[in-house]
Protein backbone atom coordinates (compact mmCIF):
# COMPACT_ATOMS: atom_id res chain seq x y z
CA UNK A 1 132.56 159.87 -65.60
CA UNK A 2 133.12 159.97 -69.37
CA UNK A 3 131.60 157.48 -71.79
CA UNK A 4 134.86 155.60 -72.39
CA UNK A 5 135.47 155.08 -68.69
CA UNK A 6 131.86 154.04 -68.17
CA UNK A 7 132.23 151.40 -70.88
CA UNK A 8 135.40 150.10 -69.25
CA UNK A 9 133.71 149.79 -65.86
CA UNK A 10 130.69 148.08 -67.43
CA UNK A 11 132.97 145.65 -69.27
CA UNK A 12 134.76 144.72 -66.04
CA UNK A 13 131.49 144.34 -64.13
CA UNK A 14 129.88 142.15 -66.79
CA UNK A 15 132.69 140.08 -68.30
CA UNK A 16 135.26 139.86 -65.52
CA UNK A 17 133.24 139.78 -62.29
CA UNK A 18 129.45 139.63 -62.49
CA UNK A 19 129.12 137.43 -65.58
CA UNK A 20 131.37 134.58 -64.38
CA UNK A 21 129.84 134.56 -60.86
CA UNK A 22 126.26 134.57 -62.15
CA UNK A 23 126.99 131.94 -64.81
CA UNK A 24 128.60 129.64 -62.25
CA UNK A 25 125.65 129.92 -59.84
CA UNK A 26 123.08 129.33 -62.60
CA UNK A 27 124.98 126.37 -64.05
CA UNK A 28 125.40 124.74 -60.64
CA UNK A 29 121.73 125.33 -59.84
CA UNK A 30 120.83 123.47 -63.03
CA UNK A 31 122.95 120.42 -62.19
CA UNK A 32 126.12 121.19 -64.13
CA UNK A 33 129.28 119.80 -62.50
CA UNK A 34 131.62 122.06 -60.59
CA UNK A 35 134.53 121.84 -63.02
CA UNK A 36 132.33 122.26 -66.10
CA UNK A 37 130.56 125.23 -64.52
CA UNK A 38 133.87 126.90 -63.72
CA UNK A 39 135.21 126.30 -67.23
CA UNK A 40 132.05 127.67 -68.84
CA UNK A 41 132.03 130.72 -66.55
CA UNK A 42 135.57 131.42 -67.74
CA UNK A 43 134.20 132.05 -71.23
CA UNK A 44 133.13 135.55 -70.16
CA UNK A 45 136.61 137.00 -69.55
CA UNK A 46 137.98 135.01 -72.50
CA UNK A 47 135.33 136.56 -74.75
CA UNK A 48 136.24 140.03 -73.47
CA UNK A 49 139.90 139.49 -74.40
CA UNK A 50 139.01 138.12 -77.84
CA UNK A 51 136.52 140.91 -78.63
CA UNK A 52 139.08 143.50 -77.56
CA UNK A 53 141.75 141.93 -79.76
CA UNK A 54 139.40 141.87 -82.76
CA UNK A 55 138.37 145.49 -82.23
CA UNK A 56 141.95 146.73 -81.82
CA UNK A 57 143.30 144.27 -84.40
CA UNK A 58 145.94 143.12 -81.93
CA UNK A 59 146.16 141.42 -78.56
CA UNK A 60 148.19 143.09 -75.84
CA UNK A 61 150.52 141.28 -73.45
CA UNK A 62 148.10 141.43 -70.52
CA UNK A 63 145.24 140.05 -72.59
CA UNK A 64 147.47 137.23 -73.86
CA UNK A 65 148.40 136.31 -70.29
CA UNK A 66 144.75 136.31 -69.19
CA UNK A 67 143.72 134.13 -72.13
CA UNK A 68 146.63 131.74 -71.58
CA UNK A 69 145.74 131.40 -67.90
CA UNK A 70 142.12 130.61 -68.71
CA UNK A 71 143.10 127.96 -71.26
CA UNK A 72 145.69 126.35 -68.97
CA UNK A 73 143.28 126.32 -66.01
CA UNK A 74 140.48 124.83 -68.11
CA UNK A 75 142.70 122.05 -69.48
CA UNK A 76 144.14 121.16 -66.08
CA UNK A 77 140.71 121.23 -64.47
CA UNK A 78 139.07 119.03 -67.11
CA UNK A 79 141.94 116.52 -67.14
CA UNK A 80 142.20 116.27 -63.35
CA UNK A 81 138.52 116.96 -62.55
CA UNK A 82 139.84 119.31 -59.85
CA UNK A 83 137.98 122.65 -59.62
CA UNK A 84 140.82 124.18 -57.60
CA UNK A 85 143.11 123.93 -60.61
CA UNK A 86 140.57 125.78 -62.75
CA UNK A 87 140.42 128.56 -60.17
CA UNK A 88 144.20 128.83 -60.02
CA UNK A 89 144.23 130.00 -63.64
CA UNK A 90 144.09 133.64 -62.56
CA UNK A 91 147.29 133.25 -60.60
CA UNK A 92 149.15 132.11 -63.73
CA UNK A 93 148.87 135.42 -65.56
CA UNK A 94 149.31 137.42 -62.36
CA UNK A 95 152.47 135.57 -61.38
CA UNK A 96 153.96 135.76 -64.87
CA UNK A 97 153.28 139.49 -65.02
CA UNK A 98 155.04 139.95 -61.67
CA UNK A 99 158.04 137.98 -62.87
CA UNK A 100 158.19 139.96 -66.12
CA UNK A 101 158.15 143.21 -64.11
CA UNK A 102 161.06 142.14 -61.93
CA UNK A 103 162.93 140.58 -64.84
CA UNK A 104 162.69 143.83 -66.82
CA UNK A 105 164.78 145.55 -64.14
CA UNK A 106 167.81 143.87 -65.72
CA UNK A 107 167.29 146.09 -68.78
CA UNK A 108 167.49 149.88 -69.11
CA UNK A 109 163.73 150.05 -69.71
CA UNK A 110 161.70 148.68 -66.76
CA UNK A 111 158.28 147.35 -67.72
CA UNK A 112 156.34 150.24 -66.14
CA UNK A 113 158.38 152.67 -68.24
CA UNK A 114 157.55 150.70 -71.37
CA UNK A 115 153.84 150.59 -70.50
CA UNK A 116 153.75 154.32 -69.72
CA UNK A 117 155.44 155.13 -73.03
CA UNK A 118 153.04 152.86 -74.90
CA UNK A 119 150.10 154.59 -73.22
CA UNK A 120 151.40 158.08 -74.07
CA UNK A 121 152.35 157.13 -77.62
CA UNK A 122 156.05 156.96 -78.55
CA UNK A 123 155.51 158.92 -81.77
CA UNK A 124 153.61 161.78 -80.13
CA UNK A 125 155.20 165.02 -78.94
CA UNK A 126 154.56 164.01 -75.33
CA UNK A 127 156.10 160.62 -76.03
CA UNK A 128 159.28 162.21 -77.39
CA UNK A 129 159.50 164.50 -74.36
CA UNK A 130 158.97 161.44 -72.15
CA UNK A 131 161.88 159.65 -73.82
CA UNK A 132 164.10 162.73 -73.38
CA UNK A 133 163.47 162.68 -69.62
CA UNK A 134 165.06 159.25 -69.44
CA UNK A 135 168.52 160.85 -69.30
CA UNK A 136 167.83 162.03 -65.76
CA UNK A 137 168.65 159.47 -63.08
CA UNK A 138 165.76 160.64 -60.85
CA UNK A 139 163.32 159.92 -63.70
CA UNK A 140 164.79 156.46 -64.28
CA UNK A 141 164.69 155.69 -60.56
CA UNK A 142 160.99 156.55 -60.43
CA UNK A 143 160.13 153.81 -62.92
CA UNK A 144 162.48 151.35 -61.27
CA UNK A 145 160.61 151.83 -57.98
CA UNK A 146 157.22 151.55 -59.72
CA UNK A 147 158.25 148.35 -61.46
CA UNK A 148 159.58 146.81 -58.24
CA UNK A 149 156.35 147.65 -56.39
CA UNK A 150 154.06 146.32 -59.15
CA UNK A 151 156.11 143.16 -59.68
CA UNK A 152 156.30 142.35 -55.98
CA UNK A 153 152.62 143.11 -55.41
CA UNK A 154 151.52 140.84 -58.26
CA UNK A 155 153.65 137.96 -57.01
CA UNK A 156 152.11 138.42 -53.55
CA UNK A 157 148.65 138.49 -55.08
CA UNK A 158 149.28 135.31 -57.07
CA UNK A 159 150.51 133.47 -53.96
CA UNK A 160 147.63 134.77 -51.83
CA UNK A 161 145.02 133.70 -54.38
CA UNK A 162 146.47 130.18 -54.57
CA UNK A 163 146.36 129.86 -50.77
CA UNK A 164 142.78 131.18 -50.60
CA UNK A 165 141.55 128.97 -53.45
CA UNK A 166 142.95 125.89 -51.75
CA UNK A 167 141.48 126.85 -48.36
CA UNK A 168 137.84 127.80 -49.01
CA UNK A 169 134.81 126.45 -50.84
CA UNK A 170 134.66 126.59 -54.63
CA UNK A 171 131.97 129.28 -54.72
CA UNK A 172 133.86 131.52 -52.30
CA UNK A 173 137.14 130.88 -54.11
CA UNK A 174 135.53 131.92 -57.41
CA UNK A 175 134.28 135.18 -55.87
CA UNK A 176 137.71 135.89 -54.38
CA UNK A 177 139.54 135.07 -57.61
CA UNK A 178 137.33 137.48 -59.57
CA UNK A 179 137.39 140.41 -57.14
CA UNK A 180 140.90 140.28 -55.66
CA UNK A 181 142.69 141.37 -58.88
CA UNK A 182 140.61 144.53 -59.10
CA UNK A 183 141.18 145.34 -55.44
CA UNK A 184 144.94 145.01 -55.94
CA UNK A 185 144.74 147.05 -59.14
CA UNK A 186 142.82 149.83 -57.40
CA UNK A 187 145.36 150.03 -54.57
CA UNK A 188 148.34 149.91 -56.94
CA UNK A 189 146.74 152.46 -59.23
CA UNK A 190 146.13 154.87 -56.34
CA UNK A 191 149.69 154.40 -55.08
CA UNK A 192 151.15 154.89 -58.56
CA UNK A 193 149.13 158.07 -59.10
CA UNK A 194 150.21 159.52 -55.75
CA UNK A 195 153.84 158.48 -56.13
CA UNK A 196 153.95 159.79 -59.69
CA UNK A 197 152.60 163.18 -58.65
CA UNK A 198 155.08 163.38 -55.79
CA UNK A 199 158.02 162.58 -58.06
CA UNK A 200 156.76 165.03 -60.67
CA UNK A 201 156.66 167.85 -58.10
CA UNK A 202 160.17 166.95 -56.99
CA UNK A 203 161.30 166.97 -60.61
CA UNK A 204 159.76 170.37 -61.24
CA UNK A 205 161.42 171.78 -58.11
CA UNK A 206 164.74 170.29 -59.17
CA UNK A 207 164.38 171.70 -62.69
CA UNK A 208 163.56 175.13 -61.24
CA UNK A 209 166.66 174.89 -59.04
CA UNK A 210 168.84 173.97 -62.00
CA UNK A 211 167.38 176.86 -64.04
CA UNK A 212 167.99 179.31 -61.20
CA UNK A 213 171.56 178.08 -60.79
CA UNK A 214 172.22 178.41 -64.52
CA UNK A 215 170.68 181.88 -64.55
CA UNK A 216 172.84 182.91 -61.59
CA UNK A 217 175.96 181.58 -63.25
CA UNK A 218 175.07 183.41 -66.45
CA UNK A 219 174.57 186.68 -64.56
CA UNK A 220 177.94 186.30 -62.83
CA UNK A 221 179.65 185.64 -66.15
CA UNK A 222 177.99 188.69 -67.68
CA UNK A 223 179.00 190.85 -64.73
CA UNK A 224 182.59 189.63 -64.90
CA UNK A 225 182.69 190.32 -68.62
CA UNK A 226 181.27 193.80 -68.08
CA UNK A 227 183.85 194.58 -65.41
CA UNK A 228 186.63 193.34 -67.68
CA UNK A 229 185.37 195.56 -70.51
CA UNK A 230 185.13 198.54 -68.20
CA UNK A 231 188.63 198.06 -66.85
CA UNK A 232 190.18 197.54 -70.24
CA UNK A 233 190.34 201.18 -71.39
CA UNK A 234 191.66 202.42 -68.01
CA UNK A 235 194.44 199.91 -68.15
CA UNK A 236 195.31 201.12 -71.60
């Protein structure tokens, strides 16, 4: 595992999962109220988003959704004194992301295509090659399918988290709300990797078929031209 990936895993473990769970348990053990403990434990992922935005000098769409969900959940929880509303904050960003995915299907650039291009770098050589591939319907269909799967999965996750939060104890709901997103992400990431490789192999086979067909057509044209040249003098 490289250093960058190790840092990412450590960040998730500390700020997104371990930190909030430990902070909640320690705060509750020291007499802090349930809602206040949940709100304070939410400072860990909020800090991660803010630090990332400061380091990169911009905040990405996912980070903005996470931060918005934390703020909305904290406000609703403090106003209503209902810990369940604080815990539902994670479902806000998840649900919105799912809706954005499905809504982007109405455009010619599904969200997963946009994210992939952003990751590659639109101004790089690979990015320009990536954009060129968009003229093939099989390539476009691949990202439509990916976007449908991600959007649907995130809406299911948001609904499932709301049901779980409302059905179990606060401590259990907190653990579920912090671990479920990463479980879904791992499954979706594995599926996307496998599906992407499968579609890439199909694309390479199709490109090889097209190249062979073009080469065959070129050889036939050359042969016909040669025969025409050979027959010309005899006819004369």
